[in-house]
Amino acid sequence: MIEEKAKKHKQHHFPKIPWYGWVGAIIFLGLHLGLYKLGCYLSENVTAKYGHWEFCPKINAIDDHIPYTPYFFVEIYFLSYIFWFIVPLILSTGKKENFINFMIYSIIAYVVGFIWLTLMPTYIDRTSEHLQDKIDDIKTPVTKFLANLILKMDGGNMAWNLCPSYHCLSSALCAYALIRETKHHVATRVCVYVMAFLIVCSTVLVKQHYFAD
């Protein structure tokens, strides 16, 4: 009797992740990276090159007053990729209907974002923001390495296309999905909400995006 209770207690805290959870996590992260990178490429090499209607979404009154804050937020920006893989796994242990809806909403959102990226090209000139100089001034080796890595991954000194921010889009999808999922512990949901909020903040605090993105 005691062993059965212990087994049930263990299963409650360590739910088994179904196969579709792993598949969903791969698809979620794959769509984020694939459609974002493809949208950026088409925006720079097709739309902006031949359409000539690219624009910079910077709002000087806001963006010039957002400080470059690499410590802690560079790590948050980098850890976001792990976060986006873990959340679908968490969702898959809840109601299957909610997980399916999450995947459908995510696919629709990523496709719409891809179309926006391709047809409405925006850019950020990080040279004018002196971002590399700010990175060079970072004293912590790990933070400096991650800051340079993120800069190279996200377009370098001239980045295309950053609006809408897929970091914000993916994080918002994860947070919204947990709002509708009541099966998981409150602490789990709060952790997801906080992490999603920190990721959104990191996009502007490490100068990878403008506020409008």
C-alpha atoms as a PDB file:
ATOM      1  CA  MET A   1       0.000   0.000   0.000  1.00  0.00           C
ATOM      2  CA  ILE A   2       2.788   2.373   0.974  1.00  0.00           C
ATOM      3  CA  GLU A   3       4.769   1.452  -2.146  1.00  0.00           C
ATOM      4  CA  GLU A   4       1.772   2.193  -4.372  1.00  0.00           C
ATOM      5  CA  LYS A   5       1.319   5.640  -2.797  1.00  0.00           C
ATOM      6  CA  ALA A   6       5.016   6.375  -3.204  1.00  0.00           C
ATOM      7  CA  LYS A   7       4.843   5.329  -6.854  1.00  0.00           C
ATOM      8  CA  LYS A   8       1.843   7.588  -7.510  1.00  0.00           C
ATOM      9  CA  HIS A   9       3.581  10.455  -5.711  1.00  0.00           C
ATOM     10  CA  LYS A  10       6.669  10.008  -7.857  1.00  0.00           C
ATOM     11  CA  GLN A  11       4.630   9.936 -11.053  1.00  0.00           C
ATOM     12  CA  HIS A  12       2.870  13.137 -10.023  1.00  0.00           C
ATOM     13  CA  HIS A  13       6.135  15.052  -9.799  1.00  0.00           C
ATOM     14  CA  PHE A  14       7.905  13.421 -12.737  1.00  0.00           C
ATOM     15  CA  PRO A  15       5.304  12.982 -15.487  1.00  0.00           C
ATOM     16  CA  LYS A  16       6.336  11.000 -18.499  1.00  0.00           C
ATOM     17  CA  ILE A  17       6.803  13.094 -21.626  1.00  0.00           C
ATOM     18  CA  PRO A  18       4.838  11.582 -24.541  1.00  0.00           C
ATOM     19  CA  TRP A  19       6.439  11.096 -27.932  1.00  0.00           C
ATOM     20  CA  TYR A  20       4.476  13.953 -29.488  1.00  0.00           C
ATOM     21  CA  GLY A  21       5.957  16.300 -26.891  1.00  0.00           C
ATOM     22  CA  TRP A  22       9.473  15.677 -28.215  1.00  0.00           C
ATOM     23  CA  VAL A  23       8.273  16.030 -31.808  1.00  0.00           C
ATOM     24  CA  GLY A  24       6.426  19.248 -30.959  1.00  0.00           C
ATOM     25  CA  ALA A  25       9.470  20.712 -29.212  1.00  0.00           C
ATOM     26  CA  ILE A  26      11.648  20.033 -32.264  1.00  0.00           C
ATOM     27  CA  ILE A  27       9.034  21.492 -34.622  1.00  0.00           C
ATOM     28  CA  PHE A  28       8.510  24.562 -32.415  1.00  0.00           C
ATOM     29  CA  LEU A  29      12.211  25.368 -32.208  1.00  0.00           C
ATOM     30  CA  GLY A  30      12.824  24.355 -35.831  1.00  0.00           C
ATOM     31  CA  LEU A  31      10.113  26.661 -37.162  1.00  0.00           C
ATOM     32  CA  HIS A  32      11.455  29.512 -35.053  1.00  0.00           C
ATOM     33  CA  LEU A  33      14.982  29.172 -36.404  1.00  0.00           C
ATOM     34  CA  GLY A  34      14.085  28.126 -39.951  1.00  0.00           C
ATOM     35  CA  LEU A  35      11.391  30.660 -40.806  1.00  0.00           C
ATOM     36  CA  TYR A  36      13.181  33.483 -39.022  1.00  0.00           C
ATOM     37  CA  LYS A  37      16.463  32.896 -40.850  1.00  0.00           C
ATOM     38  CA  LEU A  38      14.709  32.397 -44.191  1.00  0.00           C
ATOM     39  CA  GLY A  39      12.650  35.561 -43.667  1.00  0.00           C
ATOM     40  CA  CYS A  40      15.776  37.555 -42.866  1.00  0.00           C
ATOM     41  CA  TYR A  41      17.560  36.226 -45.959  1.00  0.00           C
ATOM     42  CA  LEU A  42      14.671  36.981 -48.314  1.00  0.00           C
ATOM     43  CA  SER A  43      14.125  40.388 -46.743  1.00  0.00           C
ATOM     44  CA  GLU A  44      17.735  41.436 -47.283  1.00  0.00           C
ATOM     45  CA  ASN A  45      18.436  39.771 -50.614  1.00  0.00           C
ATOM     46  CA  VAL A  46      15.084  40.070 -52.381  1.00  0.00           C
ATOM     47  CA  THR A  47      12.614  42.562 -50.910  1.00  0.00           C
ATOM     48  CA  ALA A  48      15.068  45.237 -49.790  1.00  0.00           C
ATOM     49  CA  LYS A  49      17.360  44.692 -52.760  1.00  0.00           C
ATOM     50  CA  TYR A  50      14.681  45.010 -55.425  1.00  0.00           C
ATOM     51  CA  GLY A  51      11.821  46.704 -53.602  1.00  0.00           C
ATOM     52  CA  HIS A  52      13.831  49.445 -51.860  1.00  0.00           C
ATOM     53  CA  TRP A  53      11.218  50.073 -49.153  1.00  0.00           C
ATOM     54  CA  GLU A  54      13.265  48.902 -46.171  1.00  0.00           C
ATOM     55  CA  PHE A  55      13.166  51.049 -43.032  1.00  0.00           C
ATOM     56  CA  CYS A  56      14.675  51.277 -39.565  1.00  0.00           C
ATOM     57  CA  PRO A  57      12.002  50.953 -36.820  1.00  0.00           C
ATOM     58  CA  LYS A  58      14.062  52.809 -34.222  1.00  0.00           C
ATOM     59  CA  ILE A  59      12.156  55.264 -32.024  1.00  0.00           C
ATOM     60  CA  ASN A  60      14.871  57.611 -30.780  1.00  0.00           C
ATOM     61  CA  ALA A  61      12.830  58.906 -27.851  1.00  0.00           C
ATOM     62  CA  ILE A  62      12.584  55.357 -26.507  1.00  0.00           C
ATOM     63  CA  ASP A  63      15.514  53.318 -27.826  1.00  0.00           C
ATOM     64  CA  ASP A  64      18.187  55.906 -27.042  1.00  0.00           C
ATOM     65  CA  HIS A  65      17.152  55.747 -23.383  1.00  0.00           C
ATOM     66  CA  ILE A  66      17.287  51.946 -23.090  1.00  0.00           C
ATOM     67  CA  PRO A  67      20.708  51.106 -21.608  1.00  0.00           C
ATOM     68  CA  TYR A  68      22.889  48.306 -22.917  1.00  0.00           C
ATOM     69  CA  THR A  69      22.703  45.730 -20.112  1.00  0.00           C
ATOM     70  CA  PRO A  70      24.769  42.661 -21.041  1.00  0.00           C
ATOM     71  CA  TYR A  71      25.237  41.131 -17.590  1.00  0.00           C
ATOM     72  CA  PHE A  72      22.527  38.564 -16.835  1.00  0.00           C
ATOM     73  CA  PHE A  73      20.438  39.512 -19.883  1.00  0.00           C
ATOM     74  CA  VAL A  74      22.960  38.193 -22.420  1.00  0.00           C
ATOM     75  CA  GLU A  75      22.717  34.835 -20.653  1.00  0.00           C
ATOM     76  CA  ILE A  76      18.915  35.071 -20.641  1.00  0.00           C
ATOM     77  CA  TYR A  77      18.904  35.822 -24.381  1.00  0.00           C
ATOM     78  CA  PHE A  78      21.110  32.798 -25.035  1.00  0.00           C
ATOM     79  CA  LEU A  79      19.149  30.457 -22.699  1.00  0.00           C
ATOM     80  CA  SER A  80      15.911  31.332 -24.495  1.00  0.00           C
ATOM     81  CA  TYR A  81      16.580  28.577 -27.058  1.00  0.00           C
ATOM     82  CA  ILE A  82      16.592  25.991 -24.281  1.00  0.00           C
ATOM     83  CA  PHE A  83      13.449  27.561 -22.818  1.00  0.00           C
ATOM     84  CA  TRP A  84      11.565  27.223 -26.120  1.00  0.00           C
ATOM     85  CA  PHE A  85      12.477  23.543 -26.288  1.00  0.00           C
ATOM     86  CA  ILE A  86      11.465  22.782 -22.698  1.00  0.00           C
ATOM     87  CA  VAL A  87       8.061  24.520 -22.648  1.00  0.00           C
ATOM     88  CA  PRO A  88       6.476  22.288 -25.353  1.00  0.00           C
ATOM     89  CA  LEU A  89       7.679  19.284 -23.344  1.00  0.00           C
ATOM     90  CA  ILE A  90       5.949  20.667 -20.259  1.00  0.00           C
ATOM     91  CA  LEU A  91       2.768  21.365 -22.213  1.00  0.00           C
ATOM     92  CA  SER A  92       2.696  17.835 -23.633  1.00  0.00           C
ATOM     93  CA  THR A  93       2.316  16.410 -20.111  1.00  0.00           C
ATOM     94  CA  GLY A  94      -0.955  18.327 -19.701  1.00  0.00           C
ATOM     95  CA  LYS A  95      -4.143  18.213 -21.721  1.00  0.00           C
ATOM     96  CA  LYS A  96      -3.478  16.922 -25.222  1.00  0.00           C
ATOM     97  CA  GLU A  97      -6.065  19.301 -26.684  1.00  0.00           C
ATOM     98  CA  ASN A  98      -4.214  22.331 -25.274  1.00  0.00           C
ATOM     99  CA  PHE A  99      -0.924  21.040 -26.652  1.00  0.00           C
ATOM    100  CA  ILE A 100      -2.413  20.569 -30.124  1.00  0.00           C
ATOM    101  CA  ASN A 101      -3.896  24.075 -30.025  1.00  0.00           C
ATOM    102  CA  PHE A 102      -0.501  25.438 -28.945  1.00  0.00           C
ATOM    103  CA  MET A 103       1.192  23.831 -31.941  1.00  0.00           C
ATOM    104  CA  ILE A 104      -1.492  25.078 -34.351  1.00  0.00           C
ATOM    105  CA  TYR A 105      -1.290  28.640 -33.003  1.00  0.00           C
ATOM    106  CA  SER A 106       2.502  28.507 -33.144  1.00  0.00           C
ATOM    107  CA  ILE A 107       2.586  27.384 -36.783  1.00  0.00           C
ATOM    108  CA  ILE A 108       0.122  30.110 -37.776  1.00  0.00           C
ATOM    109  CA  ALA A 109       2.051  32.778 -35.829  1.00  0.00           C
ATOM    110  CA  TYR A 110       5.401  31.739 -37.318  1.00  0.00           C
ATOM    111  CA  VAL A 111       4.044  31.738 -40.865  1.00  0.00           C
ATOM    112  CA  VAL A 112       2.436  35.171 -40.412  1.00  0.00           C
ATOM    113  CA  GLY A 113       5.688  36.433 -38.873  1.00  0.00           C
ATOM    114  CA  PHE A 114       7.641  35.018 -41.802  1.00  0.00           C
ATOM    115  CA  ILE A 115       5.397  36.810 -44.304  1.00  0.00           C
ATOM    116  CA  TRP A 116       5.800  40.051 -42.347  1.00  0.00           C
ATOM    117  CA  LEU A 117       9.579  39.643 -42.213  1.00  0.00           C
ATOM    118  CA  THR A 118       9.745  39.049 -45.954  1.00  0.00           C
ATOM    119  CA  LEU A 119       7.398  41.788 -47.156  1.00  0.00           C
ATOM    120  CA  MET A 120       8.225  44.523 -44.612  1.00  0.00           C
ATOM    121  CA  PRO A 121      12.031  44.607 -44.390  1.00  0.00           C
ATOM    122  CA  THR A 122      13.547  46.413 -41.442  1.00  0.00           C
ATOM    123  CA  TYR A 123      17.150  46.700 -40.376  1.00  0.00           C
ATOM    124  CA  ILE A 124      19.310  47.707 -37.432  1.00  0.00           C
ATOM    125  CA  ASP A 125      22.723  49.284 -37.981  1.00  0.00           C
ATOM    126  CA  ARG A 126      24.603  48.161 -34.900  1.00  0.00           C
ATOM    127  CA  THR A 127      27.682  50.109 -35.955  1.00  0.00           C
ATOM    128  CA  SER A 128      25.774  53.337 -35.334  1.00  0.00           C
ATOM    129  CA  GLU A 129      24.764  51.883 -31.969  1.00  0.00           C
ATOM    130  CA  HIS A 130      28.474  51.214 -31.180  1.00  0.00           C
ATOM    131  CA  LEU A 131      27.463  47.758 -30.061  1.00  0.00           C
ATOM    132  CA  GLN A 132      30.789  46.068 -30.768  1.00  0.00           C
ATOM    133  CA  ASP A 133      32.598  48.712 -28.705  1.00  0.00           C
ATOM    134  CA  LYS A 134      30.208  48.072 -25.834  1.00  0.00           C
ATOM    135  CA  ILE A 135      30.813  44.335 -26.094  1.00  0.00           C
ATOM    136  CA  ASP A 136      34.563  44.861 -26.085  1.00  0.00           C
ATOM    137  CA  ASP A 137      34.205  46.742 -22.785  1.00  0.00           C
ATOM    138  CA  ILE A 138      32.590  43.760 -21.039  1.00  0.00           C
ATOM    139  CA  LYS A 139      34.880  42.516 -18.287  1.00  0.00           C
ATOM    140  CA  THR A 140      33.472  39.016 -17.751  1.00  0.00           C
ATOM    141  CA  PRO A 141      34.921  36.583 -20.349  1.00  0.00           C
ATOM    142  CA  VAL A 142      31.850  34.322 -20.504  1.00  0.00           C
ATOM    143  CA  THR A 143      29.462  37.246 -20.927  1.00  0.00           C
ATOM    144  CA  LYS A 144      31.700  38.788 -23.597  1.00  0.00           C
ATOM    145  CA  PHE A 145      31.897  35.477 -25.486  1.00  0.00           C
ATOM    146  CA  LEU A 146      28.112  35.021 -25.429  1.00  0.00           C
ATOM    147  CA  ALA A 147      27.530  38.660 -26.439  1.00  0.00           C
ATOM    148  CA  ASN A 148      29.799  38.253 -29.478  1.00  0.00           C
ATOM    149  CA  LEU A 149      28.197  34.908 -30.323  1.00  0.00           C
ATOM    150  CA  ILE A 150      24.678  36.338 -30.210  1.00  0.00           C
ATOM    151  CA  LEU A 151      25.762  39.314 -32.315  1.00  0.00           C
ATOM    152  CA  LYS A 152      27.139  37.027 -35.043  1.00  0.00           C
ATOM    153  CA  MET A 153      24.109  34.718 -34.900  1.00  0.00           C
ATOM    154  CA  ASP A 154      21.696  37.622 -35.252  1.00  0.00           C
ATOM    155  CA  GLY A 155      23.127  39.352 -38.313  1.00  0.00           C
ATOM    156  CA  GLY A 156      26.293  41.060 -37.122  1.00  0.00           C
ATOM    157  CA  ASN A 157      26.712  44.821 -37.431  1.00  0.00           C
ATOM    158  CA  MET A 158      23.991  45.131 -40.078  1.00  0.00           C
ATOM    159  CA  ALA A 159      21.055  42.896 -39.186  1.00  0.00           C
ATOM    160  CA  TRP A 160      18.044  41.953 -41.305  1.00  0.00           C
ATOM    161  CA  ASN A 161      15.180  41.503 -40.382  1.00  0.00           C
ATOM    162  CA  LEU A 162      14.214  42.044 -36.763  1.00  0.00           C
ATOM    163  CA  CYS A 163      10.559  43.019 -36.834  1.00  0.00           C
ATOM    164  CA  PRO A 164       8.655  41.167 -35.515  1.00  0.00           C
ATOM    165  CA  SER A 165      10.968  39.746 -32.867  1.00  0.00           C
ATOM    166  CA  TYR A 166      10.722  35.967 -32.913  1.00  0.00           C
ATOM    167  CA  HIS A 167      12.195  35.978 -29.400  1.00  0.00           C
ATOM    168  CA  CYS A 168       9.148  37.879 -28.197  1.00  0.00           C
ATOM    169  CA  LEU A 169       6.776  35.900 -30.395  1.00  0.00           C
ATOM    170  CA  SER A 170       7.950  32.482 -29.180  1.00  0.00           C
ATOM    171  CA  SER A 171       8.044  33.556 -25.534  1.00  0.00           C
ATOM    172  CA  ALA A 172       4.545  35.024 -25.728  1.00  0.00           C
ATOM    173  CA  LEU A 173       3.231  31.781 -27.257  1.00  0.00           C
ATOM    174  CA  CYS A 174       4.765  29.773 -24.414  1.00  0.00           C
ATOM    175  CA  ALA A 175       3.338  32.056 -21.739  1.00  0.00           C
ATOM    176  CA  TYR A 176      -0.133  32.124 -23.283  1.00  0.00           C
ATOM    177  CA  ALA A 177      -0.219  28.336 -23.567  1.00  0.00           C
ATOM    178  CA  LEU A 178       0.477  27.936 -19.838  1.00  0.00           C
ATOM    179  CA  ILE A 179      -2.296  30.404 -18.960  1.00  0.00           C
ATOM    180  CA  ARG A 180      -4.777  28.005 -20.560  1.00  0.00           C
ATOM    181  CA  GLU A 181      -3.174  24.953 -18.954  1.00  0.00           C
ATOM    182  CA  THR A 182      -4.391  24.560 -15.354  1.00  0.00           C
ATOM    183  CA  LYS A 183      -3.064  21.034 -14.795  1.00  0.00           C
ATOM    184  CA  HIS A 184       0.488  22.165 -14.088  1.00  0.00           C
ATOM    185  CA  HIS A 185       1.661  23.464 -10.737  1.00  0.00           C
ATOM    186  CA  VAL A 186       1.401  27.210 -10.119  1.00  0.00           C
ATOM    187  CA  ALA A 187       5.174  27.416  -9.573  1.00  0.00           C
ATOM    188  CA  THR A 188       5.801  25.927 -13.026  1.00  0.00           C
ATOM    189  CA  ARG A 189       3.527  28.441 -14.689  1.00  0.00           C
ATOM    190  CA  VAL A 190       5.006  31.371 -12.774  1.00  0.00           C
ATOM    191  CA  CYS A 191       8.531  30.313 -13.787  1.00  0.00           C
ATOM    192  CA  VAL A 192       7.466  30.245 -17.449  1.00  0.00           C
ATOM    193  CA  TYR A 193       5.813  33.681 -17.182  1.00  0.00           C
ATOM    194  CA  VAL A 194       8.875  35.209 -15.520  1.00  0.00           C
ATOM    195  CA  MET A 195      11.293  33.665 -18.012  1.00  0.00           C
ATOM    196  CA  ALA A 196       9.160  34.798 -20.953  1.00  0.00           C
ATOM    197  CA  PHE A 197       9.120  38.338 -19.562  1.00  0.00           C
ATOM    198  CA  LEU A 198      12.891  38.346 -19.034  1.00  0.00           C
ATOM    199  CA  ILE A 199      13.474  37.137 -22.603  1.00  0.00           C
ATOM    200  CA  VAL A 200      11.302  39.960 -23.960  1.00  0.00           C
ATOM    201  CA  CYS A 201      13.278  42.463 -21.874  1.00  0.00           C
ATOM    202  CA  SER A 202      16.587  40.983 -22.997  1.00  0.00           C
ATOM    203  CA  THR A 203      15.839  41.669 -26.675  1.00  0.00           C
ATOM    204  CA  VAL A 204      16.152  45.431 -26.145  1.00  0.00           C
ATOM    205  CA  LEU A 205      18.585  45.408 -23.205  1.00  0.00           C
ATOM    206  CA  VAL A 206      21.266  43.601 -25.232  1.00  0.00           C
ATOM    207  CA  LYS A 207      20.476  45.801 -28.272  1.00  0.00           C
ATOM    208  CA  GLN A 208      19.472  42.975 -30.583  1.00  0.00           C
ATOM    209  CA  HIS A 209      16.099  44.592 -31.223  1.00  0.00           C
ATOM    210  CA  TYR A 210      14.451  47.984 -31.096  1.00  0.00           C
ATOM    211  CA  PHE A 211      11.439  48.591 -28.875  1.00  0.00           C
ATOM    212  CA  ALA A 212       9.072  48.549 -31.867  1.00  0.00           C
ATOM    213  CA  ASP A 213      10.201  45.038 -32.841  1.00  0.00           C
END
